[in-house]
Amino acid sequence: MSRNIFYHPNRCMLCLSCVLACHLNSLGVSDARSLPMGKPLPRISPAFSGGTPWIWKCQQCSQPPCAEACVSGSIRRIKGGAAAEHRQETCVGCGSCLLACPFSIPARNPGEDHFSRCNLFPAEKTPPCVKACQARALVYQDASRFTQKKKKRFLVQSKGTP
């Protein structure tokens, strides 16, 4: 089963709790007051697109161009998994992943010589950004189940209109 994070822009309140949870977890910090000073790791970022809140995150491509472009082999597809794994300790910071990514997701860690991207936190049942989202704008589920639910919602909504 291939699970991914999906976004419902109509539910998002742009509270940024998903961003904070991602940063806390990726840095191994449990209290926001313990975050190091400076710019946080840019693994998930909010933006407005056409007046609608949007959360930009790694799309976990089935054939990730960032993995193919990675010269050090730091980004690789997990066999039988839903995500591409990124091992920061072997990243050389060349930026080829950023150039190859159509969504411009990999980002250089501030003050360091390597890039970061979302790994979907494979050690946890649900990624921390999804757990933190009280509005349920982020969901973590199988792609086929997500599309099935979306089709069902569309059918219900379209029956109400002439």
Protein backbone atom coordinates (compact mmCIF):
# COMPACT_ATOMS: atom_id res chain seq x y z
CA MET A 1 0.00 0.00 0.00
CA SER A 2 1.47 3.33 -1.11
CA ARG A 3 0.52 6.08 1.33
CA ASN A 4 1.10 9.80 0.86
CA ILE A 5 0.13 13.14 2.36
CA PHE A 6 -2.81 14.79 0.62
CA TYR A 7 -4.04 18.34 1.08
CA HIS A 8 -7.56 19.79 1.28
CA PRO A 9 -7.13 23.56 0.67
CA ASN A 10 -10.77 24.27 1.54
CA ARG A 11 -10.16 23.01 5.11
CA CYS A 12 -6.87 24.81 5.73
CA MET A 13 -6.90 27.71 8.21
CA LEU A 14 -3.21 28.51 7.57
CA CYS A 15 -2.49 28.11 11.29
CA LEU A 16 1.00 26.73 10.48
CA SER A 17 0.76 23.95 13.09
CA CYS A 18 1.85 21.48 10.38
CA VAL A 19 4.97 23.54 9.68
CA LEU A 20 5.87 23.76 13.36
CA ALA A 21 5.31 20.03 13.92
CA CYS A 22 7.49 19.18 10.92
CA HIS A 23 10.32 21.41 12.13
CA LEU A 24 10.16 20.14 15.70
CA ASN A 25 10.21 16.51 14.60
CA SER A 26 12.92 16.90 11.97
CA LEU A 27 15.20 18.58 14.51
CA GLY A 28 14.36 16.09 17.27
CA VAL A 29 12.99 18.81 19.54
CA SER A 30 9.82 18.40 21.62
CA ASP A 31 9.39 22.01 22.77
CA ALA A 32 9.11 24.95 20.36
CA ARG A 33 11.07 27.13 22.80
CA SER A 34 14.05 24.81 22.23
CA LEU A 35 14.22 25.47 18.48
CA PRO A 36 17.58 26.85 17.39
CA MET A 37 17.63 30.49 16.30
CA GLY A 38 17.54 31.24 12.60
CA LYS A 39 15.50 30.06 9.67
CA PRO A 40 13.80 26.65 10.20
CA LEU A 41 14.26 23.69 7.88
CA PRO A 42 12.10 24.31 4.79
CA ARG A 43 10.45 20.87 4.36
CA ILE A 44 6.91 22.18 4.23
CA SER A 45 5.96 25.74 3.40
CA PRO A 46 2.68 27.65 3.26
CA ALA A 47 1.75 30.02 0.46
CA PHE A 48 -1.26 31.69 -1.14
CA SER A 49 -2.13 30.75 -4.69
CA GLY A 50 -5.02 32.65 -6.24
CA GLY A 51 -6.25 33.64 -2.77
CA THR A 52 -6.31 30.01 -1.59
CA PRO A 53 -3.97 28.74 1.13
CA TRP A 54 -1.64 26.07 -0.19
CA ILE A 55 0.90 23.88 1.56
CA TRP A 56 3.94 23.09 -0.59
CA LYS A 57 5.52 19.76 0.31
CA CYS A 58 7.35 16.92 -1.35
CA GLN A 59 5.02 15.11 -3.75
CA GLN A 60 6.76 11.73 -3.21
CA CYS A 61 6.89 11.08 -6.96
CA SER A 62 6.69 7.47 -8.14
CA GLN A 63 9.78 8.07 -10.31
CA PRO A 64 11.48 10.87 -8.36
CA PRO A 65 13.66 13.02 -10.63
CA CYS A 66 15.54 14.23 -7.54
CA ALA A 67 16.69 10.65 -6.88
CA GLU A 68 17.83 10.18 -10.46
CA ALA A 69 19.74 13.47 -10.38
CA CYS A 70 21.39 12.85 -6.99
CA VAL A 71 25.10 12.32 -7.71
CA SER A 72 25.91 10.97 -4.25
CA GLY A 73 22.99 8.51 -4.04
CA SER A 74 21.64 10.28 -0.96
CA ILE A 75 18.09 10.26 -2.34
CA ARG A 76 16.79 6.84 -3.29
CA ARG A 77 13.45 5.13 -3.63
CA ILE A 78 12.55 2.86 -0.71
CA LYS A 79 11.81 -0.62 -2.02
CA GLY A 80 8.17 -1.47 -1.40
CA GLY A 81 7.61 1.88 0.31
CA ALA A 82 5.75 5.02 -0.55
CA ALA A 83 8.56 7.48 -0.10
CA ALA A 84 11.97 8.32 -1.40
CA GLU A 85 14.53 8.20 1.38
CA HIS A 86 16.98 11.05 1.83
CA ARG A 87 20.14 10.36 3.84
CA GLN A 88 21.52 13.78 4.76
CA GLU A 89 24.81 12.36 6.04
CA THR A 90 25.87 11.39 2.50
CA CYS A 91 24.51 14.52 0.76
CA VAL A 92 27.29 16.58 -0.82
CA GLY A 93 25.14 19.70 -1.25
CA CYS A 94 25.56 19.98 -5.02
CA GLY A 95 21.92 21.03 -5.59
CA SER A 96 21.24 18.66 -8.50
CA CYS A 97 18.12 17.40 -6.67
CA LEU A 98 16.74 20.93 -6.52
CA LEU A 99 17.40 21.50 -10.22
CA ALA A 100 15.66 18.23 -11.14
CA CYS A 101 12.61 18.63 -8.89
CA PRO A 102 9.65 20.10 -10.83
CA PHE A 103 8.23 21.44 -7.53
CA SER A 104 11.49 23.01 -6.23
CA ILE A 105 11.09 21.14 -2.93
CA PRO A 106 14.63 20.17 -1.80
CA ALA A 107 16.14 23.04 0.15
CA ARG A 108 19.58 23.77 1.53
CA ASN A 109 19.69 23.58 5.30
CA PRO A 110 20.71 26.95 6.71
CA GLY A 111 24.37 26.98 7.72
CA GLU A 112 24.99 23.44 6.44
CA ASP A 113 26.31 21.86 3.26
CA HIS A 114 23.42 19.54 2.51
CA PHE A 115 19.82 19.63 1.32
CA SER A 116 16.66 18.35 3.00
CA ARG A 117 13.31 17.05 1.85
CA CYS A 118 10.41 15.15 3.42
CA ASN A 119 10.93 11.45 4.16
CA LEU A 120 7.35 11.00 5.48
CA PHE A 121 8.95 10.00 8.82
CA PRO A 122 8.94 6.22 8.18
CA ALA A 123 9.47 5.41 11.89
CA GLU A 124 6.06 6.88 12.72
CA LYS A 125 2.59 5.61 11.80
CA THR A 126 1.43 9.12 10.81
CA PRO A 127 3.72 12.03 9.85
CA PRO A 128 3.84 14.78 12.50
CA CYS A 129 2.45 17.44 10.14
CA VAL A 130 -0.71 15.37 9.63
CA LYS A 131 -1.08 14.72 13.38
CA ALA A 132 -0.78 18.44 14.11
CA CYS A 133 -3.41 19.55 11.58
CA GLN A 134 -6.56 20.08 13.66
CA ALA A 135 -8.57 21.17 10.60
CA ARG A 136 -7.80 17.83 8.89
CA ALA A 137 -6.51 19.71 5.83
CA LEU A 138 -3.66 17.19 5.64
CA VAL A 139 -4.49 13.49 5.43
CA TYR A 140 -2.15 10.51 5.21
CA GLN A 141 -3.66 7.63 3.29
CA ASP A 142 -3.46 5.37 0.30
CA ALA A 143 -3.73 7.24 -3.01
CA SER A 144 -6.55 5.04 -4.35
CA ARG A 145 -8.58 5.55 -1.16
CA PHE A 146 -8.07 9.32 -1.32
CA THR A 147 -9.21 9.52 -4.96
CA GLN A 148 -12.20 7.27 -4.23
CA LYS A 149 -13.34 9.56 -1.41
CA LYS A 150 -12.77 12.64 -3.57
CA LYS A 151 -14.90 11.19 -6.39
CA LYS A 152 -17.65 10.36 -3.91
CA ARG A 153 -17.64 13.94 -2.52
CA PHE A 154 -17.79 15.34 -6.07
CA LEU A 155 -20.80 13.15 -6.92
CA VAL A 156 -22.63 14.23 -3.77
CA GLN A 157 -21.91 17.91 -4.45
CA SER A 158 -22.87 17.71 -8.12
CA LYS A 159 -26.26 16.11 -7.36
CA GLY A 160 -27.16 19.21 -5.34
CA THR A 161 -26.66 21.50 -8.37
CA PRO A 162 -28.98 21.62 -11.42
